[in-house]
């Protein structure tokens, strides 16, 4: 699937850059997300072992500082996501977005929002359950407890998309 939701009505893929995430608090009110949230077969688990946020320094001339957030035990986890099939230029395309929520106390030191991390297998099963309507699915979109998470400085080369930028597991190590 392509990252960044491309709704079926979209005329080009550029909209995906604005739809990489969706606010869980209003997903049931937005036409692009409402029907996806309401349908278990349009809810998705987006697997990860961490996510990054960048701290803005007081001196705006200084670069932002990346931090990597993981589960405290290092285990992989699932973000709450939504997906949709579509067609662009006559070609089928499937795209996805993650839901965000208010930051827990750990993430709040760096950013005011965080991805919805589902609470283990039970939360993941519930997210995908057809027995959950939009309101019940939305109720699962809470910040994961801060004590279940860990944070560490990340390599400043993370998210550099210039030619010759570093790639690979070495990016998980702070410089």
C-alpha atoms as a PDB file:
ATOM      1  CA  UNK A   1       0.000   0.000   0.000  1.00  0.00           C
ATOM      2  CA  UNK A   2       1.003   3.545  -0.571  1.00  0.00           C
ATOM      3  CA  UNK A   3       1.573   5.772   2.469  1.00  0.00           C
ATOM      4  CA  UNK A   4      -0.781   8.739   2.533  1.00  0.00           C
ATOM      5  CA  UNK A   5      -4.468   8.235   1.853  1.00  0.00           C
ATOM      6  CA  UNK A   6      -5.656   8.822  -1.690  1.00  0.00           C
ATOM      7  CA  UNK A   7      -9.461   9.002  -1.533  1.00  0.00           C
ATOM      8  CA  UNK A   8     -11.401   7.499  -4.458  1.00  0.00           C
ATOM      9  CA  UNK A   9     -12.421  11.004  -5.598  1.00  0.00           C
ATOM     10  CA  UNK A  10      -8.806  12.264  -5.818  1.00  0.00           C
ATOM     11  CA  UNK A  11      -7.632  13.474  -9.231  1.00  0.00           C
ATOM     12  CA  UNK A  12      -3.919  12.973  -8.504  1.00  0.00           C
ATOM     13  CA  UNK A  13      -1.623  11.414  -5.911  1.00  0.00           C
ATOM     14  CA  UNK A  14      -0.416  14.745  -4.509  1.00  0.00           C
ATOM     15  CA  UNK A  15      -3.241  14.726  -1.985  1.00  0.00           C
ATOM     16  CA  UNK A  16      -1.513  11.825  -0.199  1.00  0.00           C
ATOM     17  CA  UNK A  17       1.126  14.216   1.191  1.00  0.00           C
ATOM     18  CA  UNK A  18      -1.618  15.977   3.159  1.00  0.00           C
ATOM     19  CA  UNK A  19      -3.267  12.732   4.284  1.00  0.00           C
ATOM     20  CA  UNK A  20      -0.426  10.747   5.866  1.00  0.00           C
ATOM     21  CA  UNK A  21      -2.260  10.872   9.168  1.00  0.00           C
ATOM     22  CA  UNK A  22      -5.742  11.652  10.462  1.00  0.00           C
ATOM     23  CA  UNK A  23      -6.824  13.084  13.797  1.00  0.00           C
ATOM     24  CA  UNK A  24      -8.729  10.330  15.598  1.00  0.00           C
ATOM     25  CA  UNK A  25     -10.887  12.877  17.427  1.00  0.00           C
ATOM     26  CA  UNK A  26     -12.454  14.089  14.170  1.00  0.00           C
ATOM     27  CA  UNK A  27     -12.068  11.086  11.825  1.00  0.00           C
ATOM     28  CA  UNK A  28     -15.765  10.250  12.162  1.00  0.00           C
ATOM     29  CA  UNK A  29     -16.661  13.788  11.044  1.00  0.00           C
ATOM     30  CA  UNK A  30     -14.415  14.077   7.970  1.00  0.00           C
ATOM     31  CA  UNK A  31     -15.790  12.787   4.683  1.00  0.00           C
ATOM     32  CA  UNK A  32     -12.449  11.259   3.681  1.00  0.00           C
ATOM     33  CA  UNK A  33     -12.276   9.089   6.808  1.00  0.00           C
ATOM     34  CA  UNK A  34     -15.835   8.638   8.139  1.00  0.00           C
ATOM     35  CA  UNK A  35     -16.845   5.601   6.065  1.00  0.00           C
ATOM     36  CA  UNK A  36     -13.407   4.012   6.509  1.00  0.00           C
ATOM     37  CA  UNK A  37     -13.578   4.253  10.303  1.00  0.00           C
ATOM     38  CA  UNK A  38     -17.090   2.809  10.295  1.00  0.00           C
ATOM     39  CA  UNK A  39     -16.090  -0.264   8.290  1.00  0.00           C
ATOM     40  CA  UNK A  40     -13.888  -2.955   9.870  1.00  0.00           C
ATOM     41  CA  UNK A  41     -12.640  -3.976   6.436  1.00  0.00           C
ATOM     42  CA  UNK A  42     -11.228  -0.456   5.925  1.00  0.00           C
ATOM     43  CA  UNK A  43      -9.444  -0.353   9.283  1.00  0.00           C
ATOM     44  CA  UNK A  44      -5.841  -1.542   9.192  1.00  0.00           C
ATOM     45  CA  UNK A  45      -2.934  -2.464  11.421  1.00  0.00           C
ATOM     46  CA  UNK A  46       0.225  -0.627  10.376  1.00  0.00           C
ATOM     47  CA  UNK A  47       3.136  -2.505  11.902  1.00  0.00           C
ATOM     48  CA  UNK A  48       6.169  -0.731  13.334  1.00  0.00           C
ATOM     49  CA  UNK A  49       8.927  -1.016  15.899  1.00  0.00           C
ATOM     50  CA  UNK A  50       9.180   2.723  16.528  1.00  0.00           C
ATOM     51  CA  UNK A  51       8.328   6.192  15.303  1.00  0.00           C
ATOM     52  CA  UNK A  52      10.161   9.500  15.164  1.00  0.00           C
ATOM     53  CA  UNK A  53       9.364  13.023  16.246  1.00  0.00           C
ATOM     54  CA  UNK A  54      11.573  16.094  15.929  1.00  0.00           C
ATOM     55  CA  UNK A  55      12.160  18.615  18.697  1.00  0.00           C
ATOM     56  CA  UNK A  56      12.309  22.201  17.540  1.00  0.00           C
ATOM     57  CA  UNK A  57      15.170  24.012  19.263  1.00  0.00           C
ATOM     58  CA  UNK A  58      14.578  27.433  20.802  1.00  0.00           C
ATOM     59  CA  UNK A  59      17.089  28.847  18.328  1.00  0.00           C
ATOM     60  CA  UNK A  60      15.233  28.408  15.022  1.00  0.00           C
ATOM     61  CA  UNK A  61      18.554  28.565  13.176  1.00  0.00           C
ATOM     62  CA  UNK A  62      19.550  25.244  14.729  1.00  0.00           C
ATOM     63  CA  UNK A  63      18.372  21.968  13.168  1.00  0.00           C
ATOM     64  CA  UNK A  64      15.508  20.027  14.668  1.00  0.00           C
ATOM     65  CA  UNK A  65      16.580  17.098  16.854  1.00  0.00           C
ATOM     66  CA  UNK A  66      15.064  13.658  16.101  1.00  0.00           C
ATOM     67  CA  UNK A  67      13.896  11.239  18.801  1.00  0.00           C
ATOM     68  CA  UNK A  68      12.846   7.628  18.359  1.00  0.00           C
ATOM     69  CA  UNK A  69       9.898   6.311  20.349  1.00  0.00           C
ATOM     70  CA  UNK A  70       9.476   2.562  20.928  1.00  0.00           C
ATOM     71  CA  UNK A  71       7.753   0.242  23.309  1.00  0.00           C
ATOM     72  CA  UNK A  72       9.755  -0.089  26.520  1.00  0.00           C
ATOM     73  CA  UNK A  73      10.260  -3.812  25.895  1.00  0.00           C
ATOM     74  CA  UNK A  74      11.380  -3.213  22.281  1.00  0.00           C
ATOM     75  CA  UNK A  75       8.556  -5.328  20.847  1.00  0.00           C
ATOM     76  CA  UNK A  76       6.902  -4.461  17.544  1.00  0.00           C
ATOM     77  CA  UNK A  77       3.432  -2.905  17.685  1.00  0.00           C
ATOM     78  CA  UNK A  78       0.583  -1.768  15.473  1.00  0.00           C
ATOM     79  CA  UNK A  79      -0.680   1.716  14.707  1.00  0.00           C
ATOM     80  CA  UNK A  80      -4.403   2.156  14.110  1.00  0.00           C
ATOM     81  CA  UNK A  81      -4.770   2.810  10.407  1.00  0.00           C
ATOM     82  CA  UNK A  82      -7.347   3.310   7.693  1.00  0.00           C
ATOM     83  CA  UNK A  83      -7.020   2.277   4.064  1.00  0.00           C
ATOM     84  CA  UNK A  84      -8.912   2.610   0.826  1.00  0.00           C
ATOM     85  CA  UNK A  85      -8.723   1.248  -2.686  1.00  0.00           C
ATOM     86  CA  UNK A  86      -8.847   3.690  -5.554  1.00  0.00           C
ATOM     87  CA  UNK A  87      -7.899   4.299  -9.151  1.00  0.00           C
ATOM     88  CA  UNK A  88      -5.484   6.883 -10.520  1.00  0.00           C
ATOM     89  CA  UNK A  89      -4.949   7.308 -14.244  1.00  0.00           C
ATOM     90  CA  UNK A  90      -6.807   4.046 -14.800  1.00  0.00           C
ATOM     91  CA  UNK A  91      -4.503   2.104 -12.481  1.00  0.00           C
ATOM     92  CA  UNK A  92      -5.663   0.541  -9.195  1.00  0.00           C
ATOM     93  CA  UNK A  93      -4.037   1.954  -6.076  1.00  0.00           C
ATOM     94  CA  UNK A  94      -4.419   1.177  -2.390  1.00  0.00           C
ATOM     95  CA  UNK A  95      -3.380   3.741   0.187  1.00  0.00           C
ATOM     96  CA  UNK A  96      -3.302   4.080   3.958  1.00  0.00           C
ATOM     97  CA  UNK A  97      -3.118   6.628   6.747  1.00  0.00           C
ATOM     98  CA  UNK A  98      -2.500   6.365  10.486  1.00  0.00           C
ATOM     99  CA  UNK A  99      -4.646   7.843  13.193  1.00  0.00           C
ATOM    100  CA  UNK A 100      -3.160  10.243  15.710  1.00  0.00           C
ATOM    101  CA  UNK A 101      -4.181  11.289  19.204  1.00  0.00           C
ATOM    102  CA  UNK A 102      -3.030  13.660  21.913  1.00  0.00           C
ATOM    103  CA  UNK A 103       0.484  12.876  23.105  1.00  0.00           C
ATOM    104  CA  UNK A 104       1.086  10.992  26.326  1.00  0.00           C
ATOM    105  CA  UNK A 105       3.477  12.588  28.849  1.00  0.00           C
ATOM    106  CA  UNK A 106       6.574  10.976  27.285  1.00  0.00           C
ATOM    107  CA  UNK A 107       5.865  12.122  23.725  1.00  0.00           C
ATOM    108  CA  UNK A 108       4.516  15.506  24.855  1.00  0.00           C
ATOM    109  CA  UNK A 109       8.037  16.608  25.740  1.00  0.00           C
ATOM    110  CA  UNK A 110       8.770  16.571  21.996  1.00  0.00           C
ATOM    111  CA  UNK A 111       5.415  16.861  20.196  1.00  0.00           C
ATOM    112  CA  UNK A 112       1.758  17.470  21.063  1.00  0.00           C
ATOM    113  CA  UNK A 113       0.441  14.545  18.966  1.00  0.00           C
ATOM    114  CA  UNK A 114       1.360  10.888  18.607  1.00  0.00           C
ATOM    115  CA  UNK A 115       0.222   7.947  16.502  1.00  0.00           C
ATOM    116  CA  UNK A 116      -2.462   5.722  17.974  1.00  0.00           C
ATOM    117  CA  UNK A 117      -0.610   2.620  19.157  1.00  0.00           C
ATOM    118  CA  UNK A 118      -3.119  -0.138  19.761  1.00  0.00           C
ATOM    119  CA  UNK A 119      -2.849  -1.833  23.152  1.00  0.00           C
ATOM    120  CA  UNK A 120      -1.453  -5.251  22.243  1.00  0.00           C
ATOM    121  CA  UNK A 121      -3.219  -8.157  20.577  1.00  0.00           C
ATOM    122  CA  UNK A 122      -6.539  -7.410  22.286  1.00  0.00           C
ATOM    123  CA  UNK A 123      -6.562  -3.817  21.029  1.00  0.00           C
ATOM    124  CA  UNK A 124      -5.489  -4.927  17.567  1.00  0.00           C
ATOM    125  CA  UNK A 125      -8.219  -7.565  17.407  1.00  0.00           C
ATOM    126  CA  UNK A 126     -10.825  -5.051  18.585  1.00  0.00           C
ATOM    127  CA  UNK A 127      -9.666  -2.479  15.974  1.00  0.00           C
ATOM    128  CA  UNK A 128     -10.287  -5.000  13.197  1.00  0.00           C
ATOM    129  CA  UNK A 129     -13.505  -6.407  14.647  1.00  0.00           C
ATOM    130  CA  UNK A 130     -16.692  -5.985  12.587  1.00  0.00           C
ATOM    131  CA  UNK A 131     -18.526  -5.907  15.929  1.00  0.00           C
ATOM    132  CA  UNK A 132     -17.025  -2.438  16.530  1.00  0.00           C
ATOM    133  CA  UNK A 133     -18.811   0.458  14.859  1.00  0.00           C
ATOM    134  CA  UNK A 134     -17.181   3.839  14.254  1.00  0.00           C
ATOM    135  CA  UNK A 135     -17.832   5.061  17.821  1.00  0.00           C
ATOM    136  CA  UNK A 136     -16.360   1.911  19.384  1.00  0.00           C
ATOM    137  CA  UNK A 137     -13.346   2.018  17.059  1.00  0.00           C
ATOM    138  CA  UNK A 138     -12.807   5.695  17.839  1.00  0.00           C
ATOM    139  CA  UNK A 139     -12.917   4.884  21.570  1.00  0.00           C
ATOM    140  CA  UNK A 140      -9.812   2.707  21.062  1.00  0.00           C
ATOM    141  CA  UNK A 141      -7.837   5.730  19.824  1.00  0.00           C
ATOM    142  CA  UNK A 142      -6.215   6.739  23.084  1.00  0.00           C
ATOM    143  CA  UNK A 143      -2.588   7.590  23.848  1.00  0.00           C
ATOM    144  CA  UNK A 144      -0.649   4.514  24.884  1.00  0.00           C
ATOM    145  CA  UNK A 145       0.446   4.782  28.531  1.00  0.00           C
ATOM    146  CA  UNK A 146       3.784   6.574  28.784  1.00  0.00           C
ATOM    147  CA  UNK A 147       5.240   3.918  31.097  1.00  0.00           C
ATOM    148  CA  UNK A 148       4.867   1.350  28.281  1.00  0.00           C
ATOM    149  CA  UNK A 149       7.125   3.407  26.017  1.00  0.00           C
ATOM    150  CA  UNK A 150      10.757   4.471  25.757  1.00  0.00           C
ATOM    151  CA  UNK A 151      12.466   7.339  23.945  1.00  0.00           C
ATOM    152  CA  UNK A 152      16.021   7.818  22.765  1.00  0.00           C
ATOM    153  CA  UNK A 153      17.887  10.369  20.652  1.00  0.00           C
ATOM    154  CA  UNK A 154      17.937   9.409  16.995  1.00  0.00           C
ATOM    155  CA  UNK A 155      20.576   9.837  14.369  1.00  0.00           C
ATOM    156  CA  UNK A 156      20.185  13.287  12.718  1.00  0.00           C
ATOM    157  CA  UNK A 157      20.470  11.569   9.328  1.00  0.00           C
ATOM    158  CA  UNK A 158      17.004  10.057   9.852  1.00  0.00           C
ATOM    159  CA  UNK A 159      14.579  11.312   7.228  1.00  0.00           C
ATOM    160  CA  UNK A 160      17.249  12.906   5.024  1.00  0.00           C
ATOM    161  CA  UNK A 161      16.075  12.336   1.487  1.00  0.00           C
ATOM    162  CA  UNK A 162      19.078  13.756  -0.313  1.00  0.00           C
ATOM    163  CA  UNK A 163      21.209  11.709  -2.680  1.00  0.00           C
ATOM    164  CA  UNK A 164      23.850   9.739  -0.835  1.00  0.00           C
ATOM    165  CA  UNK A 165      22.109   9.963   2.552  1.00  0.00           C
ATOM    166  CA  UNK A 166      22.762   7.057   4.857  1.00  0.00           C
ATOM    167  CA  UNK A 167      20.398   4.109   4.909  1.00  0.00           C
ATOM    168  CA  UNK A 168      20.149   1.042   7.064  1.00  0.00           C
ATOM    169  CA  UNK A 169      20.188  -0.064  10.679  1.00  0.00           C
ATOM    170  CA  UNK A 170      22.988   2.368  11.561  1.00  0.00           C
ATOM    171  CA  UNK A 171      20.349   5.108  11.506  1.00  0.00           C
ATOM    172  CA  UNK A 172      18.884   3.585  14.667  1.00  0.00           C
ATOM    173  CA  UNK A 173      22.055   4.567  16.523  1.00  0.00           C
ATOM    174  CA  UNK A 174      22.453   8.117  17.791  1.00  0.00           C
ATOM    175  CA  UNK A 175      25.700   9.706  16.577  1.00  0.00           C
END
